[in-house]
Amino acid sequence: MRRFYLTVVALVALCAVGAVPAGAITFGQPDGSLHPQVGALLADYDPDSPGPDVLCSGTLVAPSVFLTAGHCTAFLESEGISQVWVTFASSYDEDSTSLDALVAGTYVTNPDYGYSGPGGHADPHDLAVVLLHAPALGITPAQLPPAGLLDELALRSQTFTAVGYGTVREVKTTGPHAFFFDAVRRYVLQSFLSLQKSWLTLNMNPSTGSGGTCYGDSGGPHFLGGVASNLEVSITVTGDAMCRATDTTYRLDTPSAREFLAHYVTLP
């Protein structure tokens, strides 16, 4: 089940598949200016809301290249929506109709995108880029990992930092009241759980001191290291229904991820 933004009714039903994706951080903190390279992907998909709406999170990986998740842009394709924008502000007013400070772009979904295999967890090639129509000035892009980096590290001793916008959870109880949305960029620290061929799974259980992503943060980064790290090693894709246990993120250091990314950025 991919990370989608849900309405309160859908949260109660725990029915994420097919809903609209967006950003979220659970048990985290407002990010402020800590991660200026992390932005929100915007599109005007909600007829009841004026102007562009928060769709997903993502990261600037080159001056004119914004990395996000393939299922975010595949959703846009399914809706016949081609116009997107990116904001790198630490918060976004969804009631605004102004395009000031938004950077327009053209999205490209990984042509190999698609879920298959047991539980849909075979390599989904769940990547996309937004090619910005103008470079994001004054922002240092995130670093991408060299090939096979995560296979070479002692990951159990590492800290990871997730960043994203959107649906938020700050209490451990369940139900609709546990979630809210304010389009504020947030960050959270996580610890390692497991490494698989295409996936890096991270602990997001608040009882163990970790937080994570929830219905959203699709395409948002997971940095290797604490809040000062600029090395993005995976992106948010999926996790458990109540956002309390496992954050399943898509690796960026694999051959298939690098094959797609190499068309748009210079890789280490």
C-alpha atoms as a PDB file:
ATOM      1  CA  MET A   1       0.000   0.000   0.000  1.00  0.00           C
ATOM      2  CA  ARG A   2       1.640   3.213  -1.160  1.00  0.00           C
ATOM      3  CA  ARG A   3       1.721   6.370   0.909  1.00  0.00           C
ATOM      4  CA  PHE A   4      -1.411   8.322  -0.010  1.00  0.00           C
ATOM      5  CA  TYR A   5      -3.063  11.356   1.552  1.00  0.00           C
ATOM      6  CA  LEU A   6      -6.499  10.357   2.810  1.00  0.00           C
ATOM      7  CA  THR A   7      -9.607  12.130   3.965  1.00  0.00           C
ATOM      8  CA  VAL A   8     -10.803  11.497   7.517  1.00  0.00           C
ATOM      9  CA  VAL A   9     -13.373   9.018   6.214  1.00  0.00           C
ATOM     10  CA  ALA A  10     -10.705   7.105   4.349  1.00  0.00           C
ATOM     11  CA  LEU A  11      -8.472   7.075   7.399  1.00  0.00           C
ATOM     12  CA  VAL A  12     -11.203   5.407   9.388  1.00  0.00           C
ATOM     13  CA  ALA A  13     -11.639   2.856   6.630  1.00  0.00           C
ATOM     14  CA  LEU A  14      -7.871   2.422   6.300  1.00  0.00           C
ATOM     15  CA  CYS A  15      -8.328   2.333   2.559  1.00  0.00           C
ATOM     16  CA  ALA A  16      -5.349   4.036   0.956  1.00  0.00           C
ATOM     17  CA  VAL A  17      -5.101   2.419  -2.450  1.00  0.00           C
ATOM     18  CA  GLY A  18      -6.431   4.660  -5.187  1.00  0.00           C
ATOM     19  CA  ALA A  19      -6.644   7.807  -3.071  1.00  0.00           C
ATOM     20  CA  VAL A  20      -4.638  10.952  -3.670  1.00  0.00           C
ATOM     21  CA  PRO A  21      -0.987  10.947  -2.522  1.00  0.00           C
ATOM     22  CA  ALA A  22       0.587  13.750  -0.500  1.00  0.00           C
ATOM     23  CA  GLY A  23       3.098  14.547   2.239  1.00  0.00           C
ATOM     24  CA  ALA A  24       3.134  13.616   5.890  1.00  0.00           C
ATOM     25  CA  ILE A  25       5.401  13.197   8.918  1.00  0.00           C
ATOM     26  CA  THR A  26       4.498  11.407  12.153  1.00  0.00           C
ATOM     27  CA  PHE A  27       5.871  12.348  15.572  1.00  0.00           C
ATOM     28  CA  GLY A  28       8.213  14.894  14.001  1.00  0.00           C
ATOM     29  CA  GLN A  29       9.090  18.571  14.304  1.00  0.00           C
ATOM     30  CA  PRO A  30       8.545  21.605  12.051  1.00  0.00           C
ATOM     31  CA  ASP A  31      11.532  21.769   9.739  1.00  0.00           C
ATOM     32  CA  GLY A  32      11.903  25.515   9.284  1.00  0.00           C
ATOM     33  CA  SER A  33      15.041  26.099   7.216  1.00  0.00           C
ATOM     34  CA  LEU A  34      16.803  22.818   8.044  1.00  0.00           C
ATOM     35  CA  HIS A  35      16.060  21.173   4.689  1.00  0.00           C
ATOM     36  CA  PRO A  36      15.523  23.870   2.051  1.00  0.00           C
ATOM     37  CA  GLN A  37      16.166  21.309  -0.716  1.00  0.00           C
ATOM     38  CA  VAL A  38      12.966  19.450   0.221  1.00  0.00           C
ATOM     39  CA  GLY A  39       9.837  20.748  -1.472  1.00  0.00           C
ATOM     40  CA  ALA A  40       6.184  19.991  -2.042  1.00  0.00           C
ATOM     41  CA  LEU A  41       4.862  18.869  -5.409  1.00  0.00           C
ATOM     42  CA  LEU A  42       1.696  20.824  -6.245  1.00  0.00           C
ATOM     43  CA  ALA A  43      -1.097  20.251  -8.743  1.00  0.00           C
ATOM     44  CA  ASP A  44      -4.629  21.558  -9.091  1.00  0.00           C
ATOM     45  CA  TYR A  45      -6.401  18.222  -8.596  1.00  0.00           C
ATOM     46  CA  ASP A  46      -8.996  19.174  -5.941  1.00  0.00           C
ATOM     47  CA  PRO A  47     -12.008  20.962  -7.472  1.00  0.00           C
ATOM     48  CA  ASP A  48     -13.135  22.101  -4.011  1.00  0.00           C
ATOM     49  CA  SER A  49      -9.855  23.898  -3.289  1.00  0.00           C
ATOM     50  CA  PRO A  50      -8.711  26.977  -5.232  1.00  0.00           C
ATOM     51  CA  GLY A  51      -5.289  26.922  -6.824  1.00  0.00           C
ATOM     52  CA  PRO A  52      -2.606  24.236  -6.621  1.00  0.00           C
ATOM     53  CA  ASP A  53      -2.883  21.579  -3.903  1.00  0.00           C
ATOM     54  CA  VAL A  54      -0.145  19.660  -2.092  1.00  0.00           C
ATOM     55  CA  LEU A  55       0.234  16.322  -3.834  1.00  0.00           C
ATOM     56  CA  CYS A  56       3.557  14.827  -2.738  1.00  0.00           C
ATOM     57  CA  SER A  57       6.948  15.668  -1.327  1.00  0.00           C
ATOM     58  CA  GLY A  58      10.296  15.502  -3.084  1.00  0.00           C
ATOM     59  CA  THR A  59      13.845  16.750  -3.200  1.00  0.00           C
ATOM     60  CA  LEU A  60      15.923  19.001  -5.403  1.00  0.00           C
ATOM     61  CA  VAL A  61      18.752  16.773  -6.701  1.00  0.00           C
ATOM     62  CA  ALA A  62      20.064  19.169  -9.373  1.00  0.00           C
ATOM     63  CA  PRO A  63      19.313  22.882  -9.916  1.00  0.00           C
ATOM     64  CA  SER A  64      16.415  22.054 -12.254  1.00  0.00           C
ATOM     65  CA  VAL A  65      15.589  18.463 -11.232  1.00  0.00           C
ATOM     66  CA  PHE A  66      13.118  17.585  -8.464  1.00  0.00           C
ATOM     67  CA  LEU A  67      12.969  13.912  -7.447  1.00  0.00           C
ATOM     68  CA  THR A  68       9.696  12.377  -6.266  1.00  0.00           C
ATOM     69  CA  ALA A  69       7.766   9.094  -6.441  1.00  0.00           C
ATOM     70  CA  GLY A  70       6.480   7.524  -9.626  1.00  0.00           C
ATOM     71  CA  HIS A  71       3.067   6.788  -8.137  1.00  0.00           C
ATOM     72  CA  CYS A  72       2.581  10.527  -7.561  1.00  0.00           C
ATOM     73  CA  THR A  73       2.985  11.413 -11.213  1.00  0.00           C
ATOM     74  CA  ALA A  74       1.218   8.243 -12.365  1.00  0.00           C
ATOM     75  CA  PHE A  75      -1.798   9.499 -10.430  1.00  0.00           C
ATOM     76  CA  LEU A  76      -1.605  12.799 -12.316  1.00  0.00           C
ATOM     77  CA  GLU A  77      -1.413  10.946 -15.611  1.00  0.00           C
ATOM     78  CA  SER A  78      -4.499   8.941 -14.694  1.00  0.00           C
ATOM     79  CA  GLU A  79      -6.353  12.177 -13.979  1.00  0.00           C
ATOM     80  CA  GLY A  80      -5.187  13.845 -17.185  1.00  0.00           C
ATOM     81  CA  ILE A  81      -3.277  16.529 -15.249  1.00  0.00           C
ATOM     82  CA  SER A  82      -0.053  17.782 -16.794  1.00  0.00           C
ATOM     83  CA  GLN A  83       0.574  21.104 -15.012  1.00  0.00           C
ATOM     84  CA  VAL A  84       2.608  20.902 -11.801  1.00  0.00           C
ATOM     85  CA  TRP A  85       4.538  23.261  -9.581  1.00  0.00           C
ATOM     86  CA  VAL A  86       7.055  22.904  -6.764  1.00  0.00           C
ATOM     87  CA  THR A  87       7.387  25.042  -3.661  1.00  0.00           C
ATOM     88  CA  PHE A  88      10.426  25.007  -1.397  1.00  0.00           C
ATOM     89  CA  ALA A  89       8.806  27.181   1.272  1.00  0.00           C
ATOM     90  CA  SER A  90       8.651  25.623   4.732  1.00  0.00           C
ATOM     91  CA  SER A  91       4.851  25.867   4.640  1.00  0.00           C
ATOM     92  CA  TYR A  92       2.216  26.286   1.958  1.00  0.00           C
ATOM     93  CA  ASP A  93      -1.213  27.913   2.043  1.00  0.00           C
ATOM     94  CA  GLU A  94      -3.589  25.636   0.147  1.00  0.00           C
ATOM     95  CA  ASP A  95      -6.220  28.377   0.074  1.00  0.00           C
ATOM     96  CA  SER A  96      -3.955  30.584  -1.993  1.00  0.00           C
ATOM     97  CA  THR A  97      -4.489  30.967  -5.725  1.00  0.00           C
ATOM     98  CA  SER A  98      -1.208  32.830  -6.246  1.00  0.00           C
ATOM     99  CA  LEU A  99       1.537  31.194  -8.286  1.00  0.00           C
ATOM    100  CA  ASP A 100       4.181  33.573  -6.896  1.00  0.00           C
ATOM    101  CA  ALA A 101       7.255  31.735  -5.548  1.00  0.00           C
ATOM    102  CA  LEU A 102       6.088  28.495  -7.179  1.00  0.00           C
ATOM    103  CA  VAL A 103       8.338  26.872  -9.778  1.00  0.00           C
ATOM    104  CA  ALA A 104       6.526  25.286 -12.706  1.00  0.00           C
ATOM    105  CA  GLY A 105       7.788  22.036 -14.164  1.00  0.00           C
ATOM    106  CA  THR A 106       7.182  19.033 -16.369  1.00  0.00           C
ATOM    107  CA  TYR A 107       7.040  15.605 -14.762  1.00  0.00           C
ATOM    108  CA  VAL A 108       8.505  12.378 -16.120  1.00  0.00           C
ATOM    109  CA  THR A 109       7.445   9.064 -14.606  1.00  0.00           C
ATOM    110  CA  ASN A 110       9.892   6.186 -14.741  1.00  0.00           C
ATOM    111  CA  PRO A 111       8.704   4.272 -17.833  1.00  0.00           C
ATOM    112  CA  ASP A 112       9.238   0.999 -15.940  1.00  0.00           C
ATOM    113  CA  TYR A 113       6.987   2.066 -13.049  1.00  0.00           C
ATOM    114  CA  GLY A 114       4.573  -0.624 -11.852  1.00  0.00           C
ATOM    115  CA  TYR A 115       3.956  -2.830  -8.822  1.00  0.00           C
ATOM    116  CA  SER A 116       4.110  -6.622  -9.048  1.00  0.00           C
ATOM    117  CA  GLY A 117       5.256  -9.668  -7.114  1.00  0.00           C
ATOM    118  CA  PRO A 118       4.256 -10.796  -3.602  1.00  0.00           C
ATOM    119  CA  GLY A 119       2.609  -7.911  -1.800  1.00  0.00           C
ATOM    120  CA  GLY A 120       3.502  -5.636  -4.692  1.00  0.00           C
ATOM    121  CA  HIS A 121       7.051  -5.434  -3.364  1.00  0.00           C
ATOM    122  CA  ALA A 122       9.027  -6.532  -6.387  1.00  0.00           C
ATOM    123  CA  ASP A 123      11.063  -3.635  -7.756  1.00  0.00           C
ATOM    124  CA  PRO A 124       8.347  -1.087  -8.658  1.00  0.00           C
ATOM    125  CA  HIS A 125      10.707   1.461 -10.231  1.00  0.00           C
ATOM    126  CA  ASP A 126       8.694   3.980  -8.192  1.00  0.00           C
ATOM    127  CA  LEU A 127      10.566   7.118  -9.244  1.00  0.00           C
ATOM    128  CA  ALA A 128       9.748  10.282 -11.127  1.00  0.00           C
ATOM    129  CA  VAL A 129      11.370  13.635 -11.715  1.00  0.00           C
ATOM    130  CA  VAL A 130       9.953  17.079 -12.252  1.00  0.00           C
ATOM    131  CA  LEU A 131      12.063  19.034 -14.714  1.00  0.00           C
ATOM    132  CA  LEU A 132      11.772  22.602 -13.441  1.00  0.00           C
ATOM    133  CA  HIS A 133      11.250  25.326 -16.034  1.00  0.00           C
ATOM    134  CA  ALA A 134      13.711  27.507 -14.114  1.00  0.00           C
ATOM    135  CA  PRO A 135      16.484  26.476 -11.725  1.00  0.00           C
ATOM    136  CA  ALA A 136      15.801  26.713  -7.998  1.00  0.00           C
ATOM    137  CA  LEU A 137      18.198  29.507  -7.110  1.00  0.00           C
ATOM    138  CA  GLY A 138      19.936  29.678  -3.757  1.00  0.00           C
ATOM    139  CA  ILE A 139      19.231  26.050  -2.833  1.00  0.00           C
ATOM    140  CA  THR A 140      21.971  23.422  -2.627  1.00  0.00           C
ATOM    141  CA  PRO A 141      20.682  20.169  -4.145  1.00  0.00           C
ATOM    142  CA  ALA A 142      20.756  16.977  -2.143  1.00  0.00           C
ATOM    143  CA  GLN A 143      23.494  14.447  -2.801  1.00  0.00           C
ATOM    144  CA  LEU A 144      22.603  11.062  -4.246  1.00  0.00           C
ATOM    145  CA  PRO A 145      24.356   7.888  -3.078  1.00  0.00           C
ATOM    146  CA  PRO A 146      27.039   5.982  -4.974  1.00  0.00           C
ATOM    147  CA  ALA A 147      26.109   2.568  -6.312  1.00  0.00           C
ATOM    148  CA  GLY A 148      25.476  -0.035  -3.615  1.00  0.00           C
ATOM    149  CA  LEU A 149      26.242   2.315  -0.723  1.00  0.00           C
ATOM    150  CA  LEU A 150      23.686   0.794   1.653  1.00  0.00           C
ATOM    151  CA  ASP A 151      25.076  -2.704   1.054  1.00  0.00           C
ATOM    152  CA  GLU A 152      28.463  -1.573   2.362  1.00  0.00           C
ATOM    153  CA  LEU A 153      27.465   0.150   5.620  1.00  0.00           C
ATOM    154  CA  ALA A 154      26.789  -1.031   9.160  1.00  0.00           C
ATOM    155  CA  LEU A 155      23.248   0.276   9.037  1.00  0.00           C
ATOM    156  CA  ARG A 156      22.124  -0.742  12.522  1.00  0.00           C
ATOM    157  CA  SER A 157      24.274   2.038  13.949  1.00  0.00           C
ATOM    158  CA  GLN A 158      22.955   4.680  11.558  1.00  0.00           C
ATOM    159  CA  THR A 159      20.342   7.389  12.010  1.00  0.00           C
ATOM    160  CA  PHE A 160      18.042   8.389   9.144  1.00  0.00           C
ATOM    161  CA  THR A 161      16.097  11.628   8.701  1.00  0.00           C
ATOM    162  CA  ALA A 162      12.752  11.739   6.880  1.00  0.00           C
ATOM    163  CA  VAL A 163      11.305  15.027   5.643  1.00  0.00           C
ATOM    164  CA  GLY A 164       7.918  15.886   4.155  1.00  0.00           C
ATOM    165  CA  TYR A 165       4.760  17.966   4.068  1.00  0.00           C
ATOM    166  CA  GLY A 166       1.153  17.244   4.852  1.00  0.00           C
ATOM    167  CA  THR A 167      -0.903  14.872   6.943  1.00  0.00           C
ATOM    168  CA  VAL A 168       0.534  14.742  10.454  1.00  0.00           C
ATOM    169  CA  ARG A 169       0.247  12.455  13.439  1.00  0.00           C
ATOM    170  CA  GLU A 170       1.429  13.591  16.886  1.00  0.00           C
ATOM    171  CA  VAL A 171      -0.496  11.286  19.237  1.00  0.00           C
ATOM    172  CA  LYS A 172      -0.224   7.541  19.708  1.00  0.00           C
ATOM    173  CA  THR A 173      -3.964   6.889  19.832  1.00  0.00           C
ATOM    174  CA  THR A 174      -5.767   5.778  16.699  1.00  0.00           C
ATOM    175  CA  GLY A 175      -8.777   7.151  14.857  1.00  0.00           C
ATOM    176  CA  PRO A 176      -9.458  10.269  12.764  1.00  0.00           C
ATOM    177  CA  HIS A 177      -8.514  12.650  15.581  1.00  0.00           C
ATOM    178  CA  ALA A 178      -4.948  11.336  15.464  1.00  0.00           C
ATOM    179  CA  PHE A 179      -4.286  12.968  12.079  1.00  0.00           C
ATOM    180  CA  PHE A 180      -4.345  16.510  10.731  1.00  0.00           C
ATOM    181  CA  PHE A 181      -3.070  18.413   7.706  1.00  0.00           C
ATOM    182  CA  ASP A 182      -1.398  21.840   7.654  1.00  0.00           C
ATOM    183  CA  ALA A 183       1.043  21.694   4.692  1.00  0.00           C
ATOM    184  CA  VAL A 184       4.048  22.398   6.923  1.00  0.00           C
ATOM    185  CA  ARG A 185       7.413  20.789   6.159  1.00  0.00           C
ATOM    186  CA  ARG A 186       8.484  18.527   9.015  1.00  0.00           C
ATOM    187  CA  TYR A 187      11.375  16.199   9.804  1.00  0.00           C
ATOM    188  CA  VAL A 188      11.798  13.152  11.997  1.00  0.00           C
ATOM    189  CA  LEU A 189      14.609  10.789  12.998  1.00  0.00           C
ATOM    190  CA  GLN A 190      14.458   7.045  12.353  1.00  0.00           C
ATOM    191  CA  SER A 191      16.480   3.902  12.994  1.00  0.00           C
ATOM    192  CA  PHE A 192      17.250   0.945  10.737  1.00  0.00           C
ATOM    193  CA  LEU A 193      15.132  -2.209  10.442  1.00  0.00           C
ATOM    194  CA  SER A 194      16.178  -4.115   7.323  1.00  0.00           C
ATOM    195  CA  LEU A 195      17.742  -3.889   3.884  1.00  0.00           C
ATOM    196  CA  GLN A 196      16.336  -5.644   0.823  1.00  0.00           C
ATOM    197  CA  LYS A 197      17.164  -5.599  -2.874  1.00  0.00           C
ATOM    198  CA  SER A 198      14.945  -2.602  -3.645  1.00  0.00           C
ATOM    199  CA  TRP A 199      13.843  -1.519  -0.188  1.00  0.00           C
ATOM    200  CA  LEU A 200      15.232   0.072   2.956  1.00  0.00           C
ATOM    201  CA  THR A 201      12.857  -0.437   5.873  1.00  0.00           C
ATOM    202  CA  LEU A 202      13.074   1.945   8.813  1.00  0.00           C
ATOM    203  CA  ASN A 203      11.622   1.986  12.308  1.00  0.00           C
ATOM    204  CA  MET A 204       8.884   4.572  12.867  1.00  0.00           C
ATOM    205  CA  ASN A 205       7.523   3.325  16.189  1.00  0.00           C
ATOM    206  CA  PRO A 206       7.235   6.307  18.555  1.00  0.00           C
ATOM    207  CA  SER A 207       7.518   3.984  21.541  1.00  0.00           C
ATOM    208  CA  THR A 208      11.139   3.332  20.543  1.00  0.00           C
ATOM    209  CA  GLY A 209      11.935   6.984  19.868  1.00  0.00           C
ATOM    210  CA  SER A 210      11.457   6.881  16.100  1.00  0.00           C
ATOM    211  CA  GLY A 211       8.946   8.708  13.953  1.00  0.00           C
ATOM    212  CA  GLY A 212       8.192   8.371  10.298  1.00  0.00           C
ATOM    213  CA  THR A 213       5.871   9.004   7.408  1.00  0.00           C
ATOM    214  CA  CYS A 214       2.151   8.434   7.153  1.00  0.00           C
ATOM    215  CA  TYR A 215      -0.527   8.889   4.533  1.00  0.00           C
ATOM    216  CA  GLY A 216       1.752  10.904   2.420  1.00  0.00           C
ATOM    217  CA  ASP A 217       5.322  11.888   2.252  1.00  0.00           C
ATOM    218  CA  SER A 218       5.222  10.077  -1.043  1.00  0.00           C
ATOM    219  CA  GLY A 219       8.474  10.893  -2.828  1.00  0.00           C
ATOM    220  CA  GLY A 220       9.950  12.598   0.226  1.00  0.00           C
ATOM    221  CA  PRO A 221      13.573  11.929   1.154  1.00  0.00           C
ATOM    222  CA  HIS A 222      15.224   9.751   3.744  1.00  0.00           C
ATOM    223  CA  PHE A 223      18.674  11.174   4.461  1.00  0.00           C
ATOM    224  CA  LEU A 224      21.456   8.987   5.826  1.00  0.00           C
ATOM    225  CA  GLY A 225      22.442  10.646   9.082  1.00  0.00           C
ATOM    226  CA  GLY A 226      21.005  13.288  11.379  1.00  0.00           C
ATOM    227  CA  VAL A 227      19.284  16.551  10.525  1.00  0.00           C
ATOM    228  CA  ALA A 228      22.449  18.044   8.983  1.00  0.00           C
ATOM    229  CA  SER A 229      22.797  15.255   6.402  1.00  0.00           C
ATOM    230  CA  ASN A 230      22.338  16.086   2.713  1.00  0.00           C
ATOM    231  CA  LEU A 231      22.775  12.494   1.450  1.00  0.00           C
ATOM    232  CA  GLU A 232      19.441  11.135   0.211  1.00  0.00           C
ATOM    233  CA  VAL A 233      19.505   7.333   0.092  1.00  0.00           C
ATOM    234  CA  SER A 234      15.822   6.461  -0.355  1.00  0.00           C
ATOM    235  CA  ILE A 235      12.361   7.924  -0.871  1.00  0.00           C
ATOM    236  CA  THR A 236       9.081   7.374   0.932  1.00  0.00           C
ATOM    237  CA  VAL A 237       6.785   4.861  -0.734  1.00  0.00           C
ATOM    238  CA  THR A 238       4.759   2.766   1.736  1.00  0.00           C
ATOM    239  CA  GLY A 239       4.396   1.410   5.267  1.00  0.00           C
ATOM    240  CA  ASP A 240       1.907  -0.004   7.764  1.00  0.00           C
ATOM    241  CA  ALA A 241      -1.686   1.232   7.838  1.00  0.00           C
ATOM    242  CA  MET A 242      -1.564   3.049  11.176  1.00  0.00           C
ATOM    243  CA  CYS A 243       1.850   4.668  10.629  1.00  0.00           C
ATOM    244  CA  ARG A 244       3.282   3.183  13.803  1.00  0.00           C
ATOM    245  CA  ALA A 245       5.712   0.419  12.832  1.00  0.00           C
ATOM    246  CA  THR A 246       7.586   0.114   9.526  1.00  0.00           C
ATOM    247  CA  ASP A 247       8.518   2.737   6.967  1.00  0.00           C
ATOM    248  CA  THR A 248       9.187   0.962   3.665  1.00  0.00           C
ATOM    249  CA  THR A 249      11.338   3.222   1.500  1.00  0.00           C
ATOM    250  CA  TYR A 250      12.624   2.805  -2.041  1.00  0.00           C
ATOM    251  CA  ARG A 251      16.409   2.684  -2.427  1.00  0.00           C
ATOM    252  CA  LEU A 252      18.261   5.116  -4.683  1.00  0.00           C
ATOM    253  CA  ASP A 253      21.574   3.232  -4.817  1.00  0.00           C
ATOM    254  CA  THR A 254      20.360   0.233  -6.836  1.00  0.00           C
ATOM    255  CA  PRO A 255      21.119  -0.384 -10.526  1.00  0.00           C
ATOM    256  CA  SER A 256      17.497   0.145 -11.564  1.00  0.00           C
ATOM    257  CA  ALA A 257      17.132   3.430  -9.649  1.00  0.00           C
ATOM    258  CA  ARG A 258      20.441   4.708 -10.974  1.00  0.00           C
ATOM    259  CA  GLU A 259      19.527   3.755 -14.534  1.00  0.00           C
ATOM    260  CA  PHE A 260      16.541   6.113 -14.418  1.00  0.00           C
ATOM    261  CA  LEU A 261      18.282   8.889 -12.469  1.00  0.00           C
ATOM    262  CA  ALA A 262      21.301   8.932 -14.795  1.00  0.00           C
ATOM    263  CA  HIS A 263      19.128  10.413 -17.536  1.00  0.00           C
ATOM    264  CA  TYR A 264      18.669  13.583 -15.473  1.00  0.00           C
ATOM    265  CA  VAL A 265      21.551  13.999 -13.007  1.00  0.00           C
ATOM    266  CA  THR A 266      25.249  13.227 -12.751  1.00  0.00           C
ATOM    267  CA  LEU A 267      25.577  10.320 -10.327  1.00  0.00           C
ATOM    268  CA  PRO A 268      28.520   9.687  -7.976  1.00  0.00           C
END
